[in-house]
Protein backbone atom coordinates (compact mmCIF):
# COMPACT_ATOMS: atom_id res chain seq x y z
CA MET A 1 -17.73 -81.10 -29.52
CA ASN A 2 -21.42 -82.35 -29.56
CA ILE A 3 -22.49 -81.02 -33.01
CA SER A 4 -24.84 -83.30 -34.64
CA LEU A 5 -25.33 -83.54 -38.49
CA PRO A 6 -28.96 -82.90 -38.23
CA ALA A 7 -28.09 -79.88 -36.63
CA VAL A 8 -25.89 -78.71 -39.21
CA ARG A 9 -28.42 -79.68 -41.89
CA ALA A 10 -30.91 -77.87 -40.40
CA ALA A 11 -28.58 -74.84 -40.15
CA ALA A 12 -27.59 -75.04 -43.69
CA MET A 13 -31.40 -75.50 -44.87
CA ALA A 14 -32.43 -72.15 -42.82
CA ALA A 15 -29.62 -70.39 -44.57
CA LEU A 16 -31.26 -71.73 -47.89
CA PHE A 17 -34.42 -70.26 -46.83
CA ILE A 18 -33.11 -66.93 -45.59
CA LEU A 19 -31.84 -66.42 -49.21
CA VAL A 20 -34.72 -67.64 -51.28
CA PRO A 21 -36.99 -64.46 -50.16
CA ILE A 22 -34.03 -62.24 -51.63
CA SER A 23 -35.66 -61.00 -54.87
CA ALA A 24 -32.61 -59.81 -57.03
CA HIS A 25 -35.35 -58.50 -59.68
CA ALA A 26 -36.65 -55.86 -57.44
CA LEU A 27 -35.32 -52.13 -58.69
CA PHE A 28 -34.94 -49.81 -56.14
CA GLU A 29 -35.87 -46.19 -56.98
CA ASP A 30 -36.85 -44.62 -54.03
CA VAL A 31 -35.08 -42.74 -51.09
CA ASP A 32 -34.91 -46.41 -49.22
CA ALA A 33 -32.85 -47.81 -52.03
CA ARG A 34 -29.47 -47.68 -50.37
CA ARG A 35 -30.76 -48.75 -47.03
CA SER A 36 -32.36 -51.80 -48.47
CA LEU A 37 -29.16 -52.47 -50.67
CA LEU A 38 -26.91 -52.25 -47.16
CA ASP A 39 -29.14 -54.25 -45.33
CA LEU A 40 -29.14 -57.09 -48.04
CA ARG A 41 -25.25 -57.03 -47.93
CA LYS A 42 -25.30 -57.51 -44.42
CA GLN A 43 -27.35 -60.48 -44.25
CA VAL A 44 -24.95 -61.90 -47.24
CA ASN A 45 -21.97 -61.52 -45.25
CA GLU A 46 -23.50 -62.78 -41.77
CA LEU A 47 -24.99 -66.18 -43.82
CA SER A 48 -21.69 -66.35 -45.36
CA SER A 49 -19.86 -66.02 -41.91
CA ARG A 50 -22.11 -68.55 -40.44
CA ILE A 51 -21.67 -71.20 -43.20
CA ASP A 52 -17.94 -70.85 -42.47
CA ALA A 53 -18.41 -71.25 -38.94
CA LYS A 54 -20.89 -74.22 -39.25
CA LEU A 55 -18.23 -75.70 -41.93
CA ASP A 56 -15.31 -75.54 -39.35
CA ALA A 57 -17.20 -76.97 -36.74
CA LEU A 58 -18.51 -79.77 -38.55
CA GLN A 59 -14.68 -80.50 -39.64
CA GLN A 60 -13.76 -80.61 -36.38
CA GLY A 61 -16.66 -82.93 -35.12
CA VAL A 62 -15.81 -85.33 -37.73
CA ASP A 63 -12.17 -85.34 -36.94
CA SER A 64 -12.76 -85.81 -33.19
CA LYS A 65 -15.28 -88.80 -34.33
CA LEU A 66 -12.56 -90.23 -36.49
CA GLN A 67 -9.80 -90.81 -34.12
CA PRO A 68 -11.77 -93.14 -31.77
CA LEU A 69 -12.87 -94.83 -34.79
CA GLY A 70 -9.40 -95.64 -35.76
CA ALA A 71 -8.86 -98.26 -33.39
CA ARG A 72 -12.20 -100.06 -34.12
CA ILE A 73 -11.88 -100.01 -37.94
CA ASP A 74 -12.02 -103.54 -38.20
CA SER A 75 -15.35 -103.76 -36.62
CA LYS A 76 -17.93 -104.26 -39.37
CA ALA A 77 -20.47 -102.11 -37.53
CA ASP A 78 -18.20 -99.39 -37.22
CA THR A 79 -17.47 -99.28 -40.88
CA LYS A 80 -21.10 -98.99 -41.85
CA ALA A 81 -21.25 -95.87 -39.49
CA LEU A 82 -18.31 -94.46 -40.89
CA LEU A 83 -19.64 -94.92 -44.25
CA LYS A 84 -22.78 -93.46 -43.37
CA LEU A 85 -21.23 -90.43 -41.60
CA SER A 86 -19.02 -90.06 -44.76
CA GLU A 87 -22.08 -89.81 -46.98
CA GLU A 88 -23.67 -87.20 -44.57
CA ILE A 89 -20.46 -85.19 -44.82
CA ASP A 90 -20.54 -85.32 -48.56
CA LYS A 91 -24.24 -84.35 -48.89
CA LEU A 92 -23.80 -81.47 -46.56
CA ARG A 93 -20.70 -80.36 -48.42
CA LEU A 94 -23.07 -80.16 -51.79
CA GLU A 95 -25.60 -78.22 -49.88
CA ILE A 96 -23.09 -75.85 -48.54
CA ALA A 97 -21.92 -75.43 -52.39
CA ALA A 98 -25.33 -74.80 -53.32
CA LEU A 99 -25.36 -72.14 -50.76
CA ARG A 100 -22.47 -70.44 -51.71
CA GLY A 101 -23.61 -70.48 -55.33
CA GLN A 102 -26.69 -68.51 -53.87
CA ILE A 103 -24.37 -66.18 -52.34
CA GLU A 104 -22.80 -65.43 -55.40
CA VAL A 105 -26.04 -64.89 -57.34
CA VAL A 106 -27.27 -62.39 -54.71
CA SER A 107 -23.85 -60.66 -54.81
CA ASN A 108 -23.94 -60.27 -58.23
CA ASP A 109 -27.60 -59.02 -58.34
CA ILE A 110 -26.75 -56.28 -55.65
CA VAL A 111 -23.91 -55.01 -57.98
CA ASN A 112 -26.43 -54.91 -61.01
CA THR A 113 -28.80 -53.23 -59.11
CA GLN A 114 -26.67 -50.55 -57.46
CA ARG A 115 -25.24 -49.93 -61.31
CA ARG A 116 -29.05 -49.63 -62.80
CA GLN A 117 -29.64 -47.13 -59.73
CA LYS A 118 -26.75 -45.18 -60.53
CA ASP A 119 -27.76 -45.16 -64.16
CA PHE A 120 -31.59 -44.19 -63.04
CA TYR A 121 -30.56 -41.13 -61.16
CA THR A 122 -27.78 -39.95 -63.78
CA ASP A 123 -30.64 -40.16 -66.19
CA LEU A 124 -33.22 -38.36 -64.15
CA ASP A 125 -30.55 -35.62 -63.25
CA GLN A 126 -29.89 -34.77 -66.95
CA ARG A 127 -33.59 -34.72 -67.67
CA MET A 128 -34.19 -32.33 -64.82
CA ARG A 129 -31.24 -30.00 -66.10
CA THR A 130 -33.15 -30.08 -69.73
CA LEU A 131 -36.33 -28.96 -68.06
CA ASP A 132 -34.87 -26.25 -66.04
CA GLN A 133 -33.13 -25.06 -68.99
CA LYS A 134 -36.66 -24.97 -71.08
CA GLN A 135 -38.26 -23.54 -68.21
CA ALA A 136 -35.88 -20.61 -67.93
CA ALA A 137 -36.22 -20.10 -71.76
CA LEU A 138 -39.89 -20.15 -71.49
CA ASP A 139 -40.12 -17.51 -68.54
CA THR A 140 -37.74 -15.31 -70.93
CA ARG A 141 -40.08 -15.29 -73.55
CA GLN A 142 -43.08 -14.91 -71.34
CA SER A 143 -41.38 -12.01 -69.60
CA ASN A 144 -40.38 -10.40 -73.16
CA ALA A 145 -44.04 -11.09 -74.38
CA GLU A 146 -45.70 -9.13 -71.26
CA ALA A 147 -43.15 -6.29 -72.14
CA LYS A 148 -44.29 -5.97 -75.28
CA GLN A 149 -47.88 -6.13 -74.29
CA ASN A 150 -47.25 -3.46 -71.75
CA SER A 151 -45.79 -1.51 -74.56
CA PHE A 152 -48.57 -1.78 -76.76
CA GLU A 153 -51.05 -0.97 -74.20
CA ALA A 154 -49.31 2.06 -73.51
CA ARG A 155 -49.08 2.97 -77.27
CA GLN A 156 -52.67 2.17 -77.41
CA SER A 157 -53.65 4.30 -74.50
CA THR A 158 -51.69 7.43 -75.83
CA ILE A 159 -53.28 6.86 -79.15
CA GLU A 160 -56.76 6.92 -77.54
CA ASN A 161 -56.03 9.82 -75.58
CA LYS A 162 -54.89 11.80 -78.56
CA GLN A 163 -57.75 10.83 -80.56
CA GLY A 164 -60.20 11.89 -77.83
CA SER A 165 -58.43 15.18 -77.53
CA ILE A 166 -58.71 15.52 -81.31
CA GLU A 167 -62.55 14.74 -81.39
CA PHE A 168 -63.29 17.05 -78.52
CA LYS A 169 -61.39 19.70 -80.32
CA LEU A 170 -63.40 18.97 -83.38
CA ALA A 171 -66.56 19.01 -81.27
CA ASN A 172 -65.81 22.56 -80.00
CA MET A 173 -64.94 24.02 -83.52
CA ASP A 174 -68.18 22.40 -84.66
CA GLN A 175 -69.71 24.34 -81.93
CA LYS A 176 -68.23 27.33 -82.55
CA ARG A 177 -69.36 27.22 -86.25
CA VAL A 178 -72.88 26.85 -85.26
CA ASP A 179 -72.76 29.53 -83.08
CA ALA A 180 -71.06 32.02 -85.31
CA ALA A 181 -73.63 30.98 -87.97
CA GLY A 182 -76.15 31.74 -85.78
CA SER A 183 -75.06 35.31 -84.79
CA ASP A 184 -74.45 36.00 -88.73
CA GLY A 185 -78.14 35.02 -89.16
CA LEU A 186 -77.53 31.86 -90.97
CA ALA A 187 -79.89 29.09 -90.46
CA ALA A 188 -78.97 26.90 -87.57
CA PRO A 189 -78.70 22.92 -88.00
CA VAL A 190 -82.19 21.06 -88.32
CA ALA A 191 -83.52 19.46 -85.31
CA THR A 192 -82.81 16.16 -86.14
CA ASP A 193 -78.91 16.57 -86.00
CA GLU A 194 -79.09 17.42 -82.08
CA PRO A 195 -79.42 13.95 -80.72
CA MET A 196 -76.31 12.61 -82.51
CA SER A 197 -74.50 15.86 -81.42
CA GLU A 198 -75.84 15.31 -77.93
CA GLN A 199 -74.70 11.68 -77.45
CA ARG A 200 -71.21 12.48 -79.30
CA THR A 201 -70.54 15.30 -76.90
CA TYR A 202 -71.27 13.01 -74.05
CA ASP A 203 -69.24 9.85 -75.40
CA LEU A 204 -66.31 12.07 -76.05
CA ALA A 205 -66.43 13.66 -72.52
CA LEU A 206 -66.78 10.37 -71.15
CA THR A 207 -63.82 8.93 -73.38
CA GLN A 208 -61.63 11.82 -71.96
CA PHE A 209 -62.74 10.61 -68.40
CA LYS A 210 -61.77 7.16 -68.93
CA ALA A 211 -58.21 7.98 -70.63
CA GLN A 212 -57.84 9.86 -67.34
CA ASN A 213 -57.88 13.38 -68.92
CA PHE A 214 -59.95 14.51 -66.12
CA ARG A 215 -59.54 18.39 -67.02
CA ALA A 216 -60.62 17.64 -70.50
CA ALA A 217 -63.63 15.48 -69.06
CA ALA A 218 -64.61 18.02 -66.70
CA GLN A 219 -64.75 20.69 -69.67
CA GLY A 220 -66.63 18.37 -71.66
CA PHE A 221 -69.30 17.28 -69.37
CA THR A 222 -69.69 21.09 -68.49
CA ASP A 223 -70.30 21.69 -72.17
CA PHE A 224 -72.68 18.75 -72.28
CA LEU A 225 -74.97 19.92 -69.49
CA LYS A 226 -74.77 23.71 -70.79
CA ARG A 227 -75.76 22.46 -74.29
CA PHE A 228 -78.42 19.65 -73.41
CA PRO A 229 -80.17 20.58 -70.33
CA ASP A 230 -83.12 18.25 -71.22
CA SER A 231 -80.76 15.22 -72.08
CA THR A 232 -81.63 11.70 -70.61
CA ASN A 233 -78.15 11.49 -69.77
CA LEU A 234 -78.20 14.38 -67.60
CA SER A 235 -77.82 12.60 -64.19
CA GLN A 236 -74.94 10.64 -65.74
CA GLY A 237 -73.37 13.98 -66.84
CA TYR A 238 -73.51 15.52 -63.49
CA PHE A 239 -72.20 12.39 -61.64
CA TRP A 240 -69.07 11.99 -64.33
CA LEU A 241 -68.67 15.93 -63.83
CA GLY A 242 -68.45 15.36 -60.06
CA SER A 243 -65.99 12.43 -60.39
CA SER A 244 -63.65 14.45 -62.89
CA TYR A 245 -63.42 17.21 -60.17
CA TYR A 246 -62.79 14.64 -57.80
CA ALA A 247 -59.98 12.81 -59.54
CA MET A 248 -58.29 16.30 -59.74
CA GLN A 249 -58.86 16.53 -55.87
CA ASP A 250 -61.06 19.49 -56.35
CA CYS A 251 -63.92 18.75 -53.79
CA VAL A 252 -65.05 22.26 -53.99
CA ASN A 253 -66.57 21.63 -57.39
CA ALA A 254 -66.91 18.12 -56.98
CA ILE A 255 -69.62 18.32 -54.07
CA PRO A 256 -72.25 20.52 -55.90
CA ALA A 257 -72.00 18.18 -58.96
CA PHE A 258 -72.77 15.33 -56.54
CA GLN A 259 -75.43 16.98 -54.67
CA THR A 260 -77.40 17.77 -57.88
CA VAL A 261 -77.39 14.36 -58.61
CA ILE A 262 -78.66 13.36 -54.94
CA THR A 263 -81.52 16.14 -54.98
CA ARG A 264 -82.74 16.61 -58.53
CA PHE A 265 -82.46 12.91 -59.67
CA THR A 266 -83.10 10.87 -56.42
CA ASN A 267 -84.27 7.68 -58.27
CA SER A 268 -81.09 7.65 -60.48
CA GLN A 269 -78.69 4.78 -60.41
CA ARG A 270 -76.27 7.11 -59.89
CA ALA A 271 -77.47 8.63 -56.67
CA PRO A 272 -76.22 6.06 -54.16
CA ASP A 273 -72.55 6.41 -56.05
CA ALA A 274 -72.93 10.07 -55.77
CA MET A 275 -73.52 10.07 -52.16
CA LEU A 276 -70.60 7.94 -51.50
CA SER A 277 -68.23 10.12 -53.55
CA MET A 278 -69.88 13.25 -51.68
CA ALA A 279 -69.03 11.54 -48.32
CA GLU A 280 -65.38 10.81 -49.67
CA CYS A 281 -64.84 14.27 -50.57
CA GLN A 282 -66.28 15.78 -47.13
CA SER A 283 -63.83 13.45 -45.24
CA ASP A 284 -60.92 14.59 -47.52
CA MET A 285 -61.98 18.09 -46.52
CA LYS A 286 -61.93 16.97 -42.97
CA ASP A 287 -65.74 17.55 -42.33
CA LYS A 288 -66.06 13.94 -40.67
CA THR A 289 -69.39 15.07 -39.39
CA ALA A 290 -70.75 16.12 -42.84
CA ALA A 291 -69.26 12.58 -44.03
CA ARG A 292 -70.85 10.56 -41.65
CA GLN A 293 -74.22 12.20 -42.13
CA THR A 294 -74.06 11.64 -45.86
CA LEU A 295 -73.14 7.87 -45.19
CA ASN A 296 -76.19 7.18 -42.49
CA ASN A 297 -78.38 8.85 -45.47
CA LEU A 298 -76.92 6.79 -48.04
CA ILE A 299 -77.31 3.51 -45.76
CA LYS A 300 -80.76 4.48 -45.18
CA ARG A 301 -82.14 5.36 -48.60
CA PHE A 302 -80.14 2.63 -50.37
CA PRO A 303 -79.68 -0.03 -48.02
CA SER A 304 -79.38 -2.71 -50.75
CA SER A 305 -76.91 -0.93 -52.96
CA ALA A 306 -73.38 -1.78 -53.53
CA ALA A 307 -72.61 1.59 -52.30
CA ALA A 308 -74.47 1.29 -49.00
CA LYS A 309 -72.21 -1.73 -48.30
CA THR A 310 -68.94 0.38 -49.01
CA GLY A 311 -70.60 3.37 -46.94
CA LYS A 312 -70.97 1.02 -43.99
CA GLU A 313 -67.15 0.25 -44.06
CA ARG A 314 -66.12 3.76 -44.28
CA LEU A 315 -68.60 4.73 -41.64
CA ALA A 316 -66.87 2.26 -39.17
CA GLU A 317 -63.76 3.83 -40.01
CA LEU A 318 -64.80 7.22 -39.57
CA LYS A 319 -65.98 6.49 -35.90
């Protein structure tokens, strides 16, 4: 066989250079860890096979060269060549032993890396399970808190409704006493008490509306408009009266209240809302012609109002 020692040495050194860049301290903690480990193991196996093959070839080459030299062993030149060849073989064997040591180190690093990777994912899985349990407990607490909050709000709304009803009844009782005192010839309350009574009546009716007691609200605003025809909240009173009727789907009584706001209180801030609500009533009553006319008037008279913007959308739907 024609295998030269420099070629064998070059192969061994190349194997050493291949092993050196393999860093055992790199920790694989991502999705490519398994692929990297498999590639590294494949390289080690291939290198080991190549070293064994080169060693076998070298041994065969040495044996083949020693046979023809046996007959010329007495020659001084041949003896020197043989000694030199023996030294080269010993040196190459040392280099091969070093390479095998490198292979053992790399193999051990692979095992340690796999162990650290397994420990890492085991710890990560335990932490994820702990977090899931804490999140579940937190969700349960939040759900219970929301349930308690809803229950509290429902109770508070019920209390406010009852309180509004009681105050409204008390206001009616006070008015009945005043009316009874007037019929008996007793002195009527002084004029300074009327503004407070006016505001209280209005606030009670508005409280009933906000509590969705629309029938009681309609009664309250009707009483307010009857008792205080010169109130500064007159436009508001008519608007909320119409809104109370509209909430009860009583458009027959709602439209006149809205119409009063539109015609008597043209510059009121409630006029655009009253026109929009009246158009809704007309649409619910299947009078689309009147509803379109009201919406067109709303857009024309109050073009920059929020009600006009909504009116344009409703007008497009009616067409």
